[in-house]
């Protein structure tokens, strides 16, 4: 949810929403709406692989 991303990154909701919209347009994330909430997930397995690679290259820069 945008609120969780906003809190984790420490940036404003409008910026998070803009970035998620761009990622959705590029097919990197997908969204599932439930009422007023939208749940986002990684849309392509290659994106997940890339994220794991980047996290391995830069240890200590993420919480999960």
N, C-alpha and C. Protein backbone atom coordinates (compact mmCIF):
# COMPACT_ATOMS: atom_id res chain seq x y z
N UNK A 1 0.84 -1.16 0.00
CA UNK A 1 0.00 0.00 0.00
C UNK A 1 0.89 1.24 0.00
N UNK A 2 0.41 2.30 -0.57
CA UNK A 2 1.19 3.52 -0.69
C UNK A 2 1.64 4.03 0.67
N UNK A 3 0.76 3.96 1.66
CA UNK A 3 1.11 4.44 2.99
C UNK A 3 2.31 3.72 3.57
N UNK A 4 2.40 2.42 3.36
CA UNK A 4 3.54 1.65 3.85
C UNK A 4 4.81 2.03 3.11
N UNK A 5 4.73 2.22 1.81
CA UNK A 5 5.90 2.63 1.03
C UNK A 5 6.33 4.03 1.44
N UNK A 6 5.37 4.91 1.62
CA UNK A 6 5.65 6.28 2.04
C UNK A 6 6.41 6.29 3.36
N UNK A 7 5.94 5.52 4.32
CA UNK A 7 6.58 5.44 5.63
C UNK A 7 7.97 4.83 5.54
N UNK A 8 8.12 3.77 4.78
CA UNK A 8 9.41 3.09 4.65
C UNK A 8 10.47 3.98 4.00
N UNK A 9 10.06 4.74 2.97
CA UNK A 9 11.01 5.56 2.24
C UNK A 9 11.16 6.97 2.79
N UNK A 10 10.20 7.39 3.61
CA UNK A 10 10.25 8.73 4.16
C UNK A 10 10.02 9.82 3.14
N UNK A 11 9.18 9.54 2.13
CA UNK A 11 8.85 10.55 1.13
C UNK A 11 7.34 10.74 1.09
N UNK A 12 6.90 11.83 0.49
CA UNK A 12 5.49 12.17 0.48
C UNK A 12 4.67 11.22 -0.39
N UNK A 13 3.40 11.09 -0.01
CA UNK A 13 2.48 10.18 -0.69
C UNK A 13 2.37 10.49 -2.17
N UNK A 14 2.35 11.76 -2.54
CA UNK A 14 2.21 12.13 -3.96
C UNK A 14 3.37 11.59 -4.78
N UNK A 15 4.58 11.66 -4.24
CA UNK A 15 5.76 11.15 -4.95
C UNK A 15 5.70 9.63 -5.09
N UNK A 16 5.28 8.96 -4.02
CA UNK A 16 5.16 7.50 -4.07
C UNK A 16 4.13 7.11 -5.14
N UNK A 17 3.00 7.78 -5.15
CA UNK A 17 1.95 7.47 -6.12
C UNK A 17 2.43 7.69 -7.55
N UNK A 18 3.18 8.77 -7.78
CA UNK A 18 3.71 9.03 -9.12
C UNK A 18 4.68 7.93 -9.55
N UNK A 19 5.54 7.52 -8.65
CA UNK A 19 6.52 6.48 -8.98
C UNK A 19 5.84 5.14 -9.24
N UNK A 20 4.85 4.80 -8.41
CA UNK A 20 4.13 3.55 -8.62
C UNK A 20 3.36 3.57 -9.94
N UNK A 21 2.79 4.72 -10.29
CA UNK A 21 2.08 4.84 -11.57
C UNK A 21 3.05 4.61 -12.73
N UNK A 22 4.25 5.16 -12.62
CA UNK A 22 5.25 4.97 -13.68
C UNK A 22 5.67 3.50 -13.77
N UNK A 23 5.90 2.88 -12.63
CA UNK A 23 6.27 1.46 -12.62
C UNK A 23 5.15 0.59 -13.19
N UNK A 24 3.90 0.98 -12.91
CA UNK A 24 2.76 0.24 -13.46
C UNK A 24 2.71 0.40 -14.98
N UNK A 25 2.92 1.63 -15.48
CA UNK A 25 2.93 1.86 -16.93
C UNK A 25 4.02 1.05 -17.62
N UNK A 26 5.15 0.90 -16.95
CA UNK A 26 6.27 0.14 -17.52
C UNK A 26 6.12 -1.36 -17.32
N UNK A 27 5.05 -1.79 -16.64
CA UNK A 27 4.79 -3.21 -16.45
C UNK A 27 5.64 -3.86 -15.38
N UNK A 28 6.25 -3.07 -14.51
CA UNK A 28 7.11 -3.63 -13.46
C UNK A 28 6.35 -3.98 -12.20
N UNK A 29 5.24 -3.29 -11.94
CA UNK A 29 4.38 -3.63 -10.81
C UNK A 29 2.94 -3.71 -11.29
N UNK A 30 2.14 -4.42 -10.53
CA UNK A 30 0.71 -4.47 -10.81
C UNK A 30 -0.02 -4.09 -9.54
N UNK A 31 -1.25 -3.61 -9.69
CA UNK A 31 -2.03 -3.19 -8.55
C UNK A 31 -3.35 -3.92 -8.49
N UNK A 32 -3.77 -4.19 -7.27
CA UNK A 32 -5.06 -4.85 -7.03
C UNK A 32 -5.84 -3.96 -6.07
N UNK A 33 -7.00 -3.50 -6.52
CA UNK A 33 -7.81 -2.58 -5.71
C UNK A 33 -8.80 -3.36 -4.86
N UNK A 34 -8.86 -2.95 -3.59
CA UNK A 34 -9.89 -3.44 -2.66
C UNK A 34 -10.48 -2.22 -1.98
N UNK A 35 -11.62 -1.77 -2.48
CA UNK A 35 -12.23 -0.55 -1.96
C UNK A 35 -11.35 0.64 -2.27
N UNK A 36 -10.94 1.36 -1.22
CA UNK A 36 -10.09 2.52 -1.40
C UNK A 36 -8.61 2.16 -1.43
N UNK A 37 -8.28 0.93 -1.11
CA UNK A 37 -6.88 0.51 -1.03
C UNK A 37 -6.42 -0.15 -2.32
N UNK A 38 -5.17 0.08 -2.68
CA UNK A 38 -4.56 -0.60 -3.82
C UNK A 38 -3.33 -1.33 -3.28
N UNK A 39 -3.27 -2.61 -3.53
CA UNK A 39 -2.14 -3.44 -3.12
C UNK A 39 -1.25 -3.66 -4.33
N UNK A 40 0.02 -3.33 -4.20
CA UNK A 40 0.96 -3.44 -5.31
C UNK A 40 1.84 -4.67 -5.14
N UNK A 41 2.22 -5.25 -6.27
CA UNK A 41 3.15 -6.37 -6.26
C UNK A 41 4.03 -6.30 -7.51
N UNK A 42 5.15 -6.98 -7.42
CA UNK A 42 6.06 -7.04 -8.56
C UNK A 42 5.38 -7.86 -9.65
N UNK A 43 5.36 -7.34 -10.86
CA UNK A 43 4.58 -7.95 -11.93
C UNK A 43 5.35 -8.97 -12.76
N UNK A 44 6.67 -8.94 -12.69
CA UNK A 44 7.46 -9.81 -13.57
C UNK A 44 8.57 -10.49 -12.77
N UNK A 45 8.76 -11.78 -12.95
CA UNK A 45 9.79 -12.50 -12.19
C UNK A 45 11.20 -11.95 -12.41
N UNK A 46 11.47 -11.41 -13.59
CA UNK A 46 12.81 -10.85 -13.83
C UNK A 46 13.07 -9.63 -12.94
N UNK A 47 12.01 -8.89 -12.63
CA UNK A 47 12.16 -7.74 -11.75
C UNK A 47 12.57 -8.21 -10.35
N UNK A 48 11.96 -9.27 -9.88
CA UNK A 48 12.32 -9.82 -8.58
C UNK A 48 13.78 -10.27 -8.58
N UNK A 49 14.20 -10.92 -9.63
CA UNK A 49 15.61 -11.35 -9.73
C UNK A 49 16.55 -10.16 -9.71
N UNK A 50 16.20 -9.10 -10.43
CA UNK A 50 17.02 -7.89 -10.44
C UNK A 50 17.11 -7.28 -9.05
N UNK A 51 15.99 -7.21 -8.35
CA UNK A 51 16.00 -6.65 -7.00
C UNK A 51 16.88 -7.47 -6.06
N UNK A 52 16.80 -8.78 -6.13
CA UNK A 52 17.66 -9.64 -5.30
C UNK A 52 19.13 -9.40 -5.62
N UNK A 53 19.45 -9.26 -6.89
CA UNK A 53 20.83 -8.99 -7.31
C UNK A 53 21.30 -7.65 -6.73
N UNK A 54 20.47 -6.61 -6.87
CA UNK A 54 20.86 -5.30 -6.36
C UNK A 54 21.01 -5.30 -4.84
N UNK A 55 20.12 -5.98 -4.14
CA UNK A 55 20.25 -6.06 -2.69
C UNK A 55 21.53 -6.77 -2.30
N UNK A 56 21.93 -7.78 -3.06
CA UNK A 56 23.19 -8.49 -2.78
C UNK A 56 24.40 -7.59 -3.06
N UNK A 57 24.28 -6.72 -4.05
CA UNK A 57 25.38 -5.82 -4.39
C UNK A 57 25.55 -4.69 -3.37
N UNK A 58 24.45 -4.32 -2.71
CA UNK A 58 24.47 -3.21 -1.76
C UNK A 58 23.90 -3.67 -0.42
N UNK A 59 24.62 -4.53 0.29
CA UNK A 59 24.11 -5.04 1.56
C UNK A 59 23.93 -3.91 2.58
N UNK A 60 22.93 -4.09 3.42
CA UNK A 60 22.67 -3.11 4.46
C UNK A 60 21.86 -1.92 4.02
N UNK A 61 21.38 -1.92 2.77
CA UNK A 61 20.60 -0.77 2.29
C UNK A 61 19.10 -1.06 2.26
N UNK A 62 18.69 -2.19 2.78
CA UNK A 62 17.27 -2.52 2.83
C UNK A 62 16.95 -3.20 4.14
N UNK A 63 15.67 -3.24 4.48
CA UNK A 63 15.25 -3.83 5.74
C UNK A 63 14.84 -5.28 5.61
N UNK A 64 14.45 -5.75 4.42
CA UNK A 64 13.96 -7.12 4.25
C UNK A 64 14.98 -7.99 3.59
